[in-house]
Amino acid sequence: MKTENHHTVTVIKRQPRAPFEGTLEVCRTVAAKFSELKDRVTQRLAGDAGMAVPANLLGRAVSEAEALAWATPYPLLLLPVLAEENVLDAGRWIEHQRWVLGLRA
């Protein structure tokens, strides 16, 4: 007596996935959130600093904070603190320059 075993094998063909699929979208989302945060921080610090720190120095201080924040594992968390510290340093530098130039007693 002959016994025949028939097995049905279903082959599922999957589309090959790119190794970094979705990464670009994640990067764009993080960059957009970071840009929004940077704008809010800049506006808040401009209001806090008033006329003590000119807009060009304020922008430079925030840009330097941005560069440093991106070098950390938590750029969104550290940007506000780093920017505030840089703007305070810019304000102190301006005061020192006024003192050096004799523009302020």
N, C-alpha and C. Protein backbone atom coordinates (compact mmCIF):
# COMPACT_ATOMS: atom_id res chain seq x y z
N MET A 1 0.83 -1.15 0.00
CA MET A 1 0.00 0.00 0.00
C MET A 1 0.89 1.23 0.00
N LYS A 2 0.55 2.09 -0.91
CA LYS A 2 1.30 3.32 -1.08
C LYS A 2 0.55 4.46 -0.40
N THR A 3 1.28 5.22 0.39
CA THR A 3 0.67 6.38 1.04
C THR A 3 1.32 7.62 0.48
N GLU A 4 0.50 8.53 0.07
CA GLU A 4 1.03 9.79 -0.46
C GLU A 4 0.68 10.92 0.50
N ASN A 5 1.68 11.63 0.83
CA ASN A 5 1.48 12.79 1.70
C ASN A 5 1.64 14.04 0.85
N HIS A 6 0.62 14.79 0.82
CA HIS A 6 0.67 16.06 0.09
C HIS A 6 0.57 17.19 1.11
N HIS A 7 1.57 18.03 1.08
CA HIS A 7 1.56 19.18 1.98
C HIS A 7 1.47 20.43 1.12
N THR A 8 0.62 21.29 1.54
CA THR A 8 0.50 22.55 0.83
C THR A 8 1.32 23.58 1.57
N VAL A 9 2.21 24.21 0.85
CA VAL A 9 3.06 25.24 1.43
C VAL A 9 2.64 26.57 0.82
N THR A 10 2.31 27.49 1.69
CA THR A 10 1.94 28.82 1.23
C THR A 10 3.14 29.73 1.39
N VAL A 11 3.52 30.34 0.32
CA VAL A 11 4.66 31.25 0.34
C VAL A 11 4.12 32.67 0.29
N ILE A 12 4.50 33.43 1.28
CA ILE A 12 4.08 34.83 1.34
C ILE A 12 5.28 35.67 0.92
N LYS A 13 5.06 36.40 -0.12
CA LYS A 13 6.13 37.27 -0.60
C LYS A 13 5.94 38.65 -0.01
N ARG A 14 6.94 39.11 0.67
CA ARG A 14 6.89 40.45 1.26
C ARG A 14 7.79 41.38 0.46
N GLN A 15 7.37 42.61 0.45
CA GLN A 15 8.20 43.62 -0.18
C GLN A 15 9.40 43.86 0.72
N PRO A 16 10.57 43.93 0.15
CA PRO A 16 11.75 44.20 0.99
C PRO A 16 11.64 45.59 1.61
N ARG A 17 11.96 45.67 2.88
CA ARG A 17 11.90 46.95 3.59
C ARG A 17 13.27 47.60 3.57
N ALA A 18 13.23 48.88 3.36
CA ALA A 18 14.48 49.64 3.42
C ALA A 18 14.94 49.65 4.88
N PRO A 19 16.23 49.58 5.13
CA PRO A 19 16.70 49.50 6.51
C PRO A 19 16.35 50.72 7.34
N PHE A 20 16.18 51.86 6.70
CA PHE A 20 15.90 53.08 7.45
C PHE A 20 14.53 53.64 7.10
N GLU A 21 13.61 52.76 6.77
CA GLU A 21 12.27 53.20 6.39
C GLU A 21 11.62 53.97 7.54
N GLY A 22 11.12 55.13 7.24
CA GLY A 22 10.47 55.97 8.24
C GLY A 22 11.41 56.90 8.97
N THR A 23 12.69 56.71 8.84
CA THR A 23 13.66 57.53 9.57
C THR A 23 13.61 58.98 9.13
N LEU A 24 13.47 59.20 7.84
CA LEU A 24 13.44 60.57 7.33
C LEU A 24 12.26 61.34 7.90
N GLU A 25 11.11 60.68 7.99
CA GLU A 25 9.93 61.34 8.54
C GLU A 25 10.12 61.68 10.02
N VAL A 26 10.75 60.78 10.76
CA VAL A 26 11.03 61.04 12.17
C VAL A 26 11.97 62.23 12.31
N CYS A 27 12.98 62.28 11.47
CA CYS A 27 13.93 63.40 11.52
C CYS A 27 13.23 64.72 11.21
N ARG A 28 12.36 64.70 10.21
CA ARG A 28 11.62 65.93 9.87
C ARG A 28 10.73 66.38 11.02
N THR A 29 10.09 65.43 11.69
CA THR A 29 9.22 65.77 12.81
C THR A 29 10.02 66.38 13.95
N VAL A 30 11.15 65.78 14.29
CA VAL A 30 11.99 66.30 15.37
C VAL A 30 12.53 67.68 15.00
N ALA A 31 12.96 67.84 13.76
CA ALA A 31 13.49 69.14 13.32
C ALA A 31 12.41 70.22 13.38
N ALA A 32 11.18 69.88 13.01
CA ALA A 32 10.09 70.85 13.06
C ALA A 32 9.78 71.24 14.51
N LYS A 33 9.74 70.26 15.40
CA LYS A 33 9.49 70.56 16.81
C LYS A 33 10.62 71.41 17.38
N PHE A 34 11.84 71.10 16.99
CA PHE A 34 12.99 71.85 17.48
C PHE A 34 12.92 73.29 16.99
N SER A 35 12.54 73.48 15.75
CA SER A 35 12.43 74.83 15.19
C SER A 35 11.35 75.64 15.91
N GLU A 36 10.22 75.01 16.19
CA GLU A 36 9.16 75.68 16.95
C GLU A 36 9.65 76.08 18.33
N LEU A 37 10.34 75.16 18.99
CA LEU A 37 10.87 75.43 20.32
C LEU A 37 11.88 76.57 20.28
N LYS A 38 12.75 76.56 19.29
CA LYS A 38 13.76 77.60 19.15
C LYS A 38 13.10 78.97 18.98
N ASP A 39 12.05 79.04 18.17
CA ASP A 39 11.32 80.30 17.98
C ASP A 39 10.69 80.78 19.28
N ARG A 40 10.06 79.86 20.02
CA ARG A 40 9.43 80.25 21.29
C ARG A 40 10.47 80.72 22.30
N VAL A 41 11.59 80.01 22.38
CA VAL A 41 12.66 80.38 23.32
C VAL A 41 13.22 81.74 22.95
N THR A 42 13.46 81.97 21.66
CA THR A 42 14.00 83.25 21.21
C THR A 42 13.05 84.39 21.55
N GLN A 43 11.75 84.20 21.32
CA GLN A 43 10.77 85.24 21.64
C GLN A 43 10.73 85.52 23.14
N ARG A 44 10.76 84.46 23.93
CA ARG A 44 10.73 84.65 25.39
C ARG A 44 11.97 85.38 25.88
N LEU A 45 13.13 84.98 25.38
CA LEU A 45 14.36 85.62 25.82
C LEU A 45 14.47 87.05 25.31
N ALA A 46 13.93 87.32 24.14
CA ALA A 46 13.93 88.70 23.63
C ALA A 46 13.08 89.59 24.53
N GLY A 47 11.97 89.05 24.99
CA GLY A 47 11.11 89.81 25.90
C GLY A 47 11.77 90.01 27.26
N ASP A 48 12.43 88.98 27.75
CA ASP A 48 13.08 89.05 29.06
C ASP A 48 14.30 89.98 29.02
N ALA A 49 15.06 89.91 27.94
CA ALA A 49 16.28 90.70 27.84
C ALA A 49 15.99 92.15 27.51
N GLY A 50 14.84 92.39 26.87
CA GLY A 50 14.49 93.76 26.49
C GLY A 50 15.53 94.33 25.56
N MET A 51 15.93 95.55 25.83
CA MET A 51 16.92 96.21 24.98
C MET A 51 18.35 95.94 25.47
N ALA A 52 18.50 95.17 26.55
CA ALA A 52 19.83 94.92 27.10
C ALA A 52 20.70 94.11 26.14
N VAL A 53 20.09 93.23 25.37
CA VAL A 53 20.84 92.41 24.42
C VAL A 53 20.27 92.68 23.02
N PRO A 54 21.08 93.23 22.13
CA PRO A 54 20.61 93.50 20.77
C PRO A 54 20.21 92.22 20.05
N ALA A 55 19.33 92.36 19.06
CA ALA A 55 18.77 91.21 18.35
C ALA A 55 19.86 90.35 17.71
N ASN A 56 20.91 90.98 17.17
CA ASN A 56 21.95 90.18 16.51
C ASN A 56 22.70 89.30 17.52
N LEU A 57 22.98 89.83 18.72
CA LEU A 57 23.65 89.02 19.74
C LEU A 57 22.72 87.96 20.31
N LEU A 58 21.45 88.32 20.44
CA LEU A 58 20.46 87.35 20.92
C LEU A 58 20.37 86.18 19.95
N GLY A 59 20.30 86.48 18.65
CA GLY A 59 20.23 85.43 17.64
C GLY A 59 21.46 84.54 17.64
N ARG A 60 22.62 85.17 17.79
CA ARG A 60 23.87 84.39 17.84
C ARG A 60 23.91 83.49 19.07
N ALA A 61 23.47 84.02 20.21
CA ALA A 61 23.48 83.23 21.44
C ALA A 61 22.56 82.01 21.32
N VAL A 62 21.38 82.21 20.74
CA VAL A 62 20.44 81.10 20.57
C VAL A 62 20.97 80.10 19.54
N SER A 63 21.60 80.59 18.48
CA SER A 63 22.16 79.68 17.47
C SER A 63 23.29 78.83 18.05
N GLU A 64 24.12 79.43 18.88
CA GLU A 64 25.18 78.66 19.53
C GLU A 64 24.60 77.62 20.48
N ALA A 65 23.53 77.99 21.18
CA ALA A 65 22.86 77.03 22.06
C ALA A 65 22.25 75.89 21.25
N GLU A 66 21.71 76.22 20.08
CA GLU A 66 21.14 75.19 19.20
C GLU A 66 22.21 74.19 18.78
N ALA A 67 23.35 74.69 18.36
CA ALA A 67 24.43 73.81 17.92
C ALA A 67 24.88 72.88 19.06
N LEU A 68 25.00 73.43 20.23
CA LEU A 68 25.41 72.62 21.38
C LEU A 68 24.32 71.62 21.76
N ALA A 69 23.06 72.04 21.71
CA ALA A 69 21.96 71.15 22.07
C ALA A 69 21.89 69.95 21.13
N TRP A 70 22.12 70.17 19.83
CA TRP A 70 22.08 69.06 18.87
C TRP A 70 23.19 68.05 19.13
N ALA A 71 24.23 68.45 19.81
CA ALA A 71 25.35 67.55 20.10
C ALA A 71 25.07 66.67 21.32
N THR A 72 23.92 66.84 21.93
CA THR A 72 23.56 66.06 23.12
C THR A 72 22.49 65.04 22.75
N PRO A 73 22.26 64.06 23.62
CA PRO A 73 21.19 63.09 23.35
C PRO A 73 19.79 63.69 23.52
N TYR A 74 19.66 64.85 24.16
CA TYR A 74 18.35 65.44 24.45
C TYR A 74 18.28 66.90 23.99
N PRO A 75 18.33 67.16 22.70
CA PRO A 75 18.38 68.55 22.24
C PRO A 75 17.13 69.36 22.60
N LEU A 76 15.95 68.76 22.56
CA LEU A 76 14.73 69.50 22.88
C LEU A 76 14.69 69.89 24.36
N LEU A 77 15.25 69.07 25.18
CA LEU A 77 15.26 69.34 26.62
C LEU A 77 16.27 70.42 26.99
N LEU A 78 17.43 70.41 26.34
CA LEU A 78 18.52 71.28 26.75
C LEU A 78 18.54 72.64 26.06
N LEU A 79 17.88 72.79 24.92
CA LEU A 79 17.93 74.06 24.21
C LEU A 79 17.52 75.26 25.07
N PRO A 80 16.38 75.23 25.77
CA PRO A 80 16.00 76.42 26.54
C PRO A 80 17.03 76.83 27.59
N VAL A 81 17.59 75.87 28.28
CA VAL A 81 18.56 76.18 29.33
C VAL A 81 19.85 76.74 28.73
N LEU A 82 20.33 76.10 27.66
CA LEU A 82 21.55 76.57 27.02
C LEU A 82 21.37 77.95 26.41
N ALA A 83 20.22 78.20 25.80
CA ALA A 83 19.96 79.50 25.20
C ALA A 83 19.90 80.59 26.27
N GLU A 84 19.22 80.30 27.37
CA GLU A 84 19.12 81.28 28.45
C GLU A 84 20.50 81.60 29.01
N GLU A 85 21.31 80.59 29.19
CA GLU A 85 22.66 80.81 29.71
C GLU A 85 23.48 81.67 28.74
N ASN A 86 23.39 81.39 27.45
CA ASN A 86 24.14 82.17 26.46
C ASN A 86 23.66 83.62 26.40
N VAL A 87 22.36 83.84 26.52
CA VAL A 87 21.84 85.22 26.49
C VAL A 87 22.27 85.97 27.74
N LEU A 88 22.26 85.31 28.88
CA LEU A 88 22.75 85.96 30.11
C LEU A 88 24.23 86.32 29.97
N ASP A 89 25.01 85.42 29.39
CA ASP A 89 26.43 85.71 29.16
C ASP A 89 26.60 86.89 28.21
N ALA A 90 25.76 86.97 27.18
CA ALA A 90 25.82 88.09 26.23
C ALA A 90 25.50 89.40 26.95
N GLY A 91 24.52 89.38 27.84
CA GLY A 91 24.17 90.57 28.61
C GLY A 91 25.31 91.00 29.52
N ARG A 92 25.96 90.05 30.15
CA ARG A 92 27.11 90.37 31.01
C ARG A 92 28.26 90.93 30.19
N TRP A 93 28.48 90.37 29.00
CA TRP A 93 29.53 90.86 28.12
C TRP A 93 29.26 92.30 27.70
N ILE A 94 28.02 92.61 27.39
CA ILE A 94 27.65 93.99 27.00
C ILE A 94 27.90 94.94 28.16
N GLU A 95 27.49 94.55 29.35
CA GLU A 95 27.72 95.39 30.52
C GLU A 95 29.21 95.61 30.75
N HIS A 96 29.99 94.57 30.60
CA HIS A 96 31.44 94.69 30.77
C HIS A 96 32.02 95.65 29.73
N GLN A 97 31.59 95.54 28.48
CA GLN A 97 32.08 96.43 27.43
C GLN A 97 31.72 97.88 27.72
N ARG A 98 30.52 98.11 28.25
CA ARG A 98 30.13 99.48 28.62
C ARG A 98 31.03 100.02 29.72
N TRP A 99 31.34 99.16 30.68
CA TRP A 99 32.20 99.57 31.78
C TRP A 99 33.61 99.88 31.25
N VAL A 100 34.13 98.99 30.38
CA VAL A 100 35.46 99.19 29.82
C VAL A 100 35.53 100.50 29.03
N LEU A 101 34.49 100.78 28.28
CA LEU A 101 34.46 102.00 27.45
C LEU A 101 34.07 103.24 28.25
N GLY A 102 33.76 103.06 29.51
CA GLY A 102 33.39 104.20 30.34
C GLY A 102 32.00 104.75 30.04
N LEU A 103 31.16 103.94 29.43
CA LEU A 103 29.82 104.40 29.07
C LEU A 103 28.84 104.26 30.23
N ARG A 104 29.26 103.59 31.27
CA ARG A 104 28.38 103.37 32.41
C ARG A 104 29.19 103.45 33.68
N ALA A 105 28.67 104.08 34.66
CA ALA A 105 29.39 104.24 35.92
C ALA A 105 29.36 103.00 36.76
